[in-house]
Protein backbone atom coordinates (compact mmCIF):
# COMPACT_ATOMS: atom_id res chain seq x y z
CA MET A 1 6.02 -0.04 30.66
CA ARG A 2 3.81 -2.12 28.36
CA ILE A 3 1.00 -0.31 26.68
CA ALA A 4 -2.03 -2.15 24.99
CA ARG A 5 -5.35 -1.98 23.48
CA TRP A 6 -7.89 -4.77 23.80
CA GLU A 7 -11.40 -5.95 23.34
CA ILE A 8 -13.43 -7.29 26.37
CA GLU A 9 -17.24 -7.89 26.75
CA GLY A 10 -17.81 -6.12 23.46
CA ARG A 11 -15.96 -2.87 24.38
CA VAL A 12 -12.45 -1.55 23.54
CA GLU A 13 -10.20 -0.48 26.14
CA GLU A 14 -6.62 1.01 26.41
CA GLY A 15 -4.03 0.65 29.11
CA LEU A 16 -1.31 -0.87 30.76
CA VAL A 17 -0.06 -4.66 30.72
CA HIS A 18 1.34 -5.26 34.29
CA GLU A 19 2.17 -8.61 35.95
CA GLY A 20 -0.23 -10.37 33.74
CA ARG A 21 -3.14 -8.10 34.17
CA LEU A 22 -4.67 -5.22 31.87
CA VAL A 23 -5.12 -2.09 33.69
CA PRO A 24 -7.54 0.41 31.99
CA PHE A 25 -6.33 3.97 31.50
CA PHE A 26 -8.06 6.75 33.74
CA GLU A 27 -10.88 8.05 31.79
CA GLY A 28 -9.81 10.67 29.02
CA THR A 29 -6.43 8.88 28.59
CA THR A 30 -5.62 7.17 25.41
CA VAL A 31 -2.73 5.56 23.45
CA ALA A 32 -2.73 8.43 21.17
CA GLY A 33 -2.72 10.94 23.84
CA LEU A 34 0.53 9.52 25.59
CA LEU A 35 2.22 9.38 22.35
CA GLU A 36 1.38 13.22 21.72
CA ALA A 37 2.56 13.59 25.46
CA GLY A 38 5.76 11.94 24.83
CA LEU A 39 7.75 9.15 26.72
CA GLU A 40 8.41 11.13 29.96
CA ALA A 41 4.90 12.31 30.58
CA ALA A 42 3.70 8.82 29.71
CA LEU A 43 5.88 7.15 32.11
CA ALA A 44 4.59 9.46 34.81
CA ALA A 45 1.06 8.74 33.86
CA GLY A 46 1.63 5.15 34.02
CA GLU A 47 3.17 5.36 37.51
CA ARG A 48 -0.04 7.16 38.73
CA LEU A 49 -2.22 4.62 37.08
CA LEU A 50 -0.47 1.86 38.86
CA ALA A 51 -0.43 3.43 42.14
CA ASP A 52 -4.37 3.93 41.83
CA ARG A 53 -5.78 1.16 39.85
CA GLY A 54 -9.26 1.76 40.72
CA GLY A 55 -10.15 -1.87 40.71
CA SER A 56 -11.15 -2.18 37.12
CA GLU A 57 -8.31 -4.42 35.80
CA HIS A 58 -8.75 -7.58 34.04
CA GLU A 59 -6.79 -11.10 33.47
CA LEU A 60 -4.72 -10.87 30.44
CA ALA A 61 -6.24 -14.13 29.26
CA ALA A 62 -9.80 -12.81 29.55
CA ALA A 63 -9.46 -10.16 26.66
CA ARG A 64 -8.64 -10.03 22.85
CA LEU A 65 -5.51 -8.11 22.53
CA LEU A 66 -5.65 -5.66 19.40
CA ALA A 67 -3.05 -3.76 17.49
CA PRO A 68 -1.52 -1.59 20.18
CA LEU A 69 -2.02 1.75 18.21
CA GLN A 70 -3.80 3.06 15.02
CA PRO A 71 -0.93 4.28 13.31
CA ALA A 72 -0.64 7.77 11.68
CA SER A 73 1.68 6.19 8.82
CA ILE A 74 3.65 3.17 8.39
CA ARG A 75 7.01 3.40 6.77
CA ASP A 76 8.92 0.05 6.33
CA PHE A 77 12.66 0.25 5.77
CA VAL A 78 14.68 -2.51 4.40
CA ALA A 79 17.72 -2.22 6.84
CA PHE A 80 19.33 -5.67 7.03
CA GLU A 81 22.02 -6.27 4.43
CA GLU A 82 21.55 -10.10 4.72
CA HIS A 83 17.85 -9.92 3.83
CA VAL A 84 18.69 -7.79 0.62
CA GLU A 85 21.39 -10.19 -0.43
CA GLY A 86 19.27 -13.35 -0.14
CA VAL A 87 16.17 -11.88 -1.81
CA ALA A 88 18.04 -10.35 -4.69
CA VAL A 89 18.96 -13.80 -5.80
CA SER A 90 15.49 -15.10 -5.91
CA VAL A 91 14.67 -11.89 -7.97
CA ASP A 92 17.57 -12.05 -10.60
CA GLY A 93 19.36 -15.31 -9.80
CA LYS A 94 22.56 -13.49 -9.25
CA GLY A 95 22.31 -11.84 -5.74
CA GLY A 96 24.37 -9.03 -4.43
CA VAL A 97 23.33 -5.73 -2.64
CA PRO A 98 22.96 -2.76 -4.69
CA GLU A 99 25.64 -0.04 -3.95
CA ALA A 100 22.89 2.50 -3.50
CA TRP A 101 21.44 0.43 -0.49
CA TYR A 102 24.42 1.41 1.62
CA ARG A 103 24.22 5.17 1.23
CA TYR A 104 20.86 5.93 2.54
CA PRO A 105 18.08 3.77 4.31
CA THR A 106 15.20 2.87 2.05
CA PHE A 107 11.70 2.41 2.89
CA TYR A 108 8.31 2.25 1.57
CA PHE A 109 4.88 3.36 2.83
CA THR A 110 2.23 0.87 3.51
CA ASN A 111 -1.39 0.83 4.45
CA PRO A 112 -2.40 2.00 8.02
CA HIS A 113 -5.95 0.74 7.15
CA SER A 114 -4.99 -2.71 7.09
CA VAL A 115 -3.33 -3.19 10.32
CA LEU A 116 -3.90 -6.28 12.24
CA GLY A 117 -3.31 -7.33 15.90
CA PRO A 118 -2.32 -10.39 17.84
CA ASP A 119 -3.74 -13.68 16.75
CA ASP A 120 -5.47 -12.14 13.93
CA THR A 121 -6.23 -14.00 10.63
CA VAL A 122 -4.73 -12.52 7.45
CA THR A 123 -6.84 -12.66 4.29
CA PRO A 124 -4.23 -12.31 1.51
CA PRO A 125 -4.95 -11.78 -2.00
CA GLN A 126 -4.85 -14.53 -4.83
CA CYS A 127 -1.24 -15.54 -4.84
CA GLU A 128 1.22 -18.53 -5.12
CA ALA A 129 4.11 -17.20 -2.93
CA LEU A 130 2.57 -15.93 0.51
CA ASP A 131 5.10 -14.92 2.86
CA PHE A 132 5.87 -13.28 6.21
CA GLU A 133 8.36 -10.73 7.48
CA LEU A 134 10.09 -10.63 10.75
CA GLU A 135 10.58 -7.21 12.09
CA LEU A 136 10.70 -4.70 14.90
CA ALA A 137 9.06 -1.29 14.77
CA ALA A 138 9.66 1.86 16.32
CA VAL A 139 6.65 3.89 17.41
CA VAL A 140 7.16 7.82 17.27
CA GLY A 141 6.26 9.74 20.26
CA ALA A 142 6.77 13.54 20.73
CA PRO A 143 9.61 14.60 18.38
CA ALA A 144 11.74 17.71 18.60
CA ARG A 145 10.60 20.99 17.07
CA ASP A 146 7.99 19.88 14.57
CA GLY A 147 9.34 16.66 13.74
CA SER A 148 11.02 17.76 10.48
CA ASP A 149 14.88 17.42 9.53
CA LEU A 150 15.71 15.83 12.65
CA THR A 151 19.30 14.90 13.62
CA PRO A 152 19.98 11.13 14.50
CA ALA A 153 20.09 11.91 18.22
CA GLU A 154 16.95 13.67 17.88
CA GLY A 155 15.39 10.83 15.83
CA ALA A 156 16.45 8.44 18.72
CA ALA A 157 14.78 10.72 21.40
CA ALA A 158 11.75 10.83 19.53
CA ILE A 159 11.14 6.95 19.79
CA PHE A 160 8.48 6.36 22.27
CA GLY A 161 8.70 2.53 22.25
CA TYR A 162 8.78 -0.71 20.14
CA THR A 163 6.41 -3.30 18.93
CA ILE A 164 6.77 -6.46 16.76
CA MET A 165 5.82 -6.16 13.14
CA ASN A 166 4.85 -8.89 10.66
CA ASP A 167 4.70 -7.34 7.04
CA TRP A 168 2.67 -10.15 5.25
CA SER A 169 3.74 -10.13 1.51
CA ALA A 170 2.55 -11.98 -1.59
CA ARG A 171 5.69 -12.25 -3.29
CA ASP A 172 4.61 -13.04 -6.89
CA VAL A 173 2.19 -10.14 -6.79
CA GLN A 174 5.05 -8.02 -5.49
CA ALA A 175 7.27 -9.19 -8.21
CA ARG A 176 4.82 -8.43 -10.84
CA GLU A 177 3.93 -4.87 -9.86
CA MET A 178 7.71 -3.97 -9.20
CA GLN A 179 8.42 -4.83 -12.82
CA VAL A 180 6.73 -1.48 -13.61
CA ARG A 181 9.40 0.30 -11.14
CA LEU A 182 6.91 1.19 -8.68
CA GLY A 183 5.77 -0.41 -5.46
CA PRO A 184 5.50 -2.48 -3.43
CA ALA A 185 1.82 -1.99 -3.32
CA LYS A 186 -1.04 -4.70 -3.55
CA GLY A 187 1.73 -7.41 -2.83
CA LYS A 188 1.88 -5.91 0.65
CA ASP A 189 -0.98 -3.62 1.60
CA PHE A 190 -3.49 -6.32 2.51
CA GLY A 191 -2.20 -6.81 6.13
CA THR A 192 0.53 -5.37 8.43
CA ALA A 193 0.35 -6.93 12.02
CA LEU A 194 1.63 -5.29 15.04
CA GLY A 195 1.79 -6.30 18.70
CA PRO A 196 1.20 -7.71 21.31
CA TRP A 197 1.94 -4.20 22.85
CA ILE A 198 4.04 -1.11 22.88
CA VAL A 199 7.15 -1.66 25.35
CA THR A 200 8.56 1.83 26.08
CA ALA A 201 11.95 2.83 25.08
CA ASP A 202 13.47 3.04 28.40
CA GLU A 203 12.95 -0.62 29.05
CA PHE A 204 15.83 -1.18 26.37
CA ALA A 205 18.20 1.75 27.64
CA ASP A 206 20.60 -0.81 29.15
CA LEU A 207 21.24 -2.54 25.87
CA VAL A 208 21.71 0.34 23.48
CA ASP A 209 25.31 0.51 22.42
CA GLU A 210 27.40 3.69 21.49
CA GLU A 211 26.29 3.85 18.17
CA GLY A 212 22.67 3.26 19.15
CA PHE A 213 22.11 -0.35 18.10
CA LEU A 214 19.88 -2.85 19.95
CA PRO A 215 21.16 -6.28 20.11
CA LEU A 216 17.91 -7.94 20.72
CA GLU A 217 17.30 -11.58 19.69
CA LEU A 218 14.55 -12.18 16.99
CA GLU A 219 12.90 -15.45 15.89
CA ALA A 220 10.54 -16.69 13.35
CA ARG A 221 8.48 -19.90 13.57
CA ILE A 222 5.97 -21.57 11.22
CA ASN A 223 3.71 -23.98 12.83
CA GLY A 224 6.16 -24.11 15.67
CA GLU A 225 9.01 -24.92 13.46
CA ARG A 226 12.06 -22.20 13.66
CA ILE A 227 12.46 -20.88 10.34
CA GLY A 228 14.84 -17.84 11.16
CA HIS A 229 16.78 -15.95 13.93
CA ASP A 230 18.77 -12.90 14.20
CA LEU A 231 20.00 -9.88 16.13
CA LEU A 232 18.42 -6.57 15.70
CA SER A 233 21.96 -5.09 15.78
CA ASN A 234 22.56 -6.54 12.29
CA MET A 235 20.74 -3.62 10.75
CA GLY A 236 22.69 -1.23 8.66
CA TRP A 237 21.37 1.83 10.73
CA PRO A 238 20.08 2.37 14.14
CA PHE A 239 16.63 3.25 14.66
CA GLY A 240 17.46 6.97 15.62
CA GLU A 241 18.89 7.33 12.06
CA LEU A 242 16.02 5.79 10.38
CA VAL A 243 13.71 8.35 12.34
CA ALA A 244 16.14 11.23 10.97
CA TYR A 245 15.99 9.99 7.46
CA ALA A 246 12.16 9.72 7.57
CA SER A 247 12.05 13.16 8.76
CA ARG A 248 13.94 14.92 5.91
CA ASN A 249 12.04 17.33 3.82
CA THR A 250 8.82 16.35 5.93
CA ARG A 251 7.73 15.53 9.33
CA VAL A 252 7.53 12.63 11.46
CA VAL A 253 4.51 12.88 13.93
CA PRO A 254 3.21 11.01 17.15
CA GLY A 255 1.82 7.65 16.14
CA ASP A 256 4.12 7.08 13.22
CA VAL A 257 5.36 3.71 12.96
CA LEU A 258 8.76 2.71 11.40
CA GLY A 259 9.72 -0.89 10.63
CA SER A 260 13.07 -2.18 10.60
CA GLY A 261 12.66 -4.13 7.53
CA THR A 262 13.00 -7.95 7.33
CA ALA A 263 15.71 -9.59 9.52
CA GLY A 264 18.33 -11.77 8.05
CA ASN A 265 19.09 -15.48 8.39
CA GLY A 266 15.58 -16.63 7.69
CA GLY A 267 13.40 -13.53 8.76
CA CYS A 268 11.28 -14.46 5.66
CA LEU A 269 10.86 -17.19 3.13
CA GLY A 270 11.80 -15.10 0.26
CA GLU A 271 15.17 -14.86 1.42
CA LEU A 272 15.40 -18.62 2.03
CA TRP A 273 14.07 -19.11 -1.64
CA GLY A 274 16.85 -17.03 -2.77
CA ARG A 275 19.56 -19.04 -0.94
CA ASN A 276 17.96 -22.22 -1.57
CA GLY A 277 17.38 -21.59 -5.53
CA SER A 278 13.75 -23.03 -4.91
CA ARG A 279 10.64 -22.13 -2.83
CA THR A 280 11.87 -24.17 0.00
CA PRO A 281 10.44 -24.04 2.62
CA PRO A 282 7.17 -23.79 0.74
CA PRO A 283 5.04 -20.65 0.54
CA LEU A 284 2.54 -20.23 3.45
CA ARG A 285 -0.82 -21.87 3.01
CA GLU A 286 -4.25 -21.57 4.46
CA GLY A 287 -4.32 -22.65 8.13
CA ASP A 288 -0.54 -21.92 8.77
CA THR A 289 0.45 -19.93 11.89
CA VAL A 290 3.43 -17.59 12.15
CA THR A 291 4.74 -16.93 15.31
CA LEU A 292 7.38 -13.86 15.79
CA ARG A 293 9.29 -13.42 19.10
CA VAL A 294 11.46 -10.58 20.01
CA GLU A 295 13.39 -10.56 23.10
CA ARG A 296 12.10 -8.29 25.97
CA ILE A 297 8.66 -7.79 23.97
CA GLY A 298 7.07 -11.00 23.43
CA GLU A 299 5.32 -12.82 20.76
CA LEU A 300 3.11 -11.86 17.71
CA ARG A 301 1.10 -14.74 16.26
CA GLY A 302 -0.96 -14.52 13.03
CA THR A 303 -2.75 -17.17 10.99
CA VAL A 304 -3.28 -17.57 7.18
CA GLY A 305 -6.85 -17.41 6.16
CA PRO A 306 -8.38 -18.08 2.87
CA ALA A 307 -7.63 -15.77 -0.08
CA ARG A 308 -9.91 -12.94 -0.81
CA GLU A 309 -12.40 -12.95 -3.88
CA VAL A 310 -12.30 -9.79 -5.39
CA PRO A 311 -13.73 -8.11 -8.51
CA GLU A 312 -11.61 -8.55 -11.62
CA ILE A 313 -9.98 -5.61 -13.22
CA PRO A 314 -9.43 -5.69 -16.97
CA PRO A 315 -6.11 -5.24 -18.52
CA ALA A 316 -4.90 -1.87 -20.18
CA ARG A 317 -6.40 -1.11 -23.40
CA LYS A 318 -4.13 -0.36 -26.22
CA ARG A 319 -4.83 3.48 -27.17
CA SER A 320 -4.16 5.32 -30.34
CA ARG A 321 -2.30 8.15 -28.62
CA ALA A 322 -4.11 10.55 -30.86
CA ARG A 323 -3.63 14.35 -29.72
CA SER A 324 -6.96 15.58 -30.80
CA ARG A 325 -10.32 14.13 -31.61
């Protein structure tokens, strides 16, 4: 089942994508409500909707697709060893994967208020090294208990579905701020694209292996030229374990989004810059279009717009460190 949000004739609707058509939900049904209800209840609601569509559906091409949900939070992991290895070279010229990476899956929180949808234009900060990131994201539905301290099996069961994710990245801004041993922040939080829709987890059940990995094919293109491709099963951890780790000492809730992190083998330019020893291929420029494709889901496209003009912030002032007036 494919769940989407769209804009048509000046109004926003939510519903299903079925056989090239958009089928609005019955009144009172929302994406957020289905996530709260959980996958089994959502599938039943979808069956009822398709059995009695009510004649209000639209051609897919007639609407502008939006991000398929408004996330409660976004955690972005770094789960591909090959990506870590390549990017490390561009950072320190040496490469290698830190031993700490292997022990637990690492993530950062990004900005749910800067979510973009399919075919949206990203307006990056002033930067010299704009990049994309090819990712798959899991969307949490109704987790066990209160969503805290889940086991890997409970984490897998909490996954409602999947969508494609592009974690737009200003690499030079990111590198500067991470010298302070905190971040990433402003190098990332200006735009995270999700879409084109949520495909429910049941549609991937035949591919899940014994450890929970999904061997989906991933591909990234810039202006039509293939830059990278990988298998999702090259992640160091399956998604169920990522959800479980995210829930430690806290909660995951319906509508949480968990990104896989960047795929290897050209899942971003930063990895290729490290392996090539230069910014080759060149950083993204205004007008470039990035197309991410994931098997069984579809494509997510985005275009680079002009950099934002923002008010300047002065540098830190040297202070006396006096302890009294």
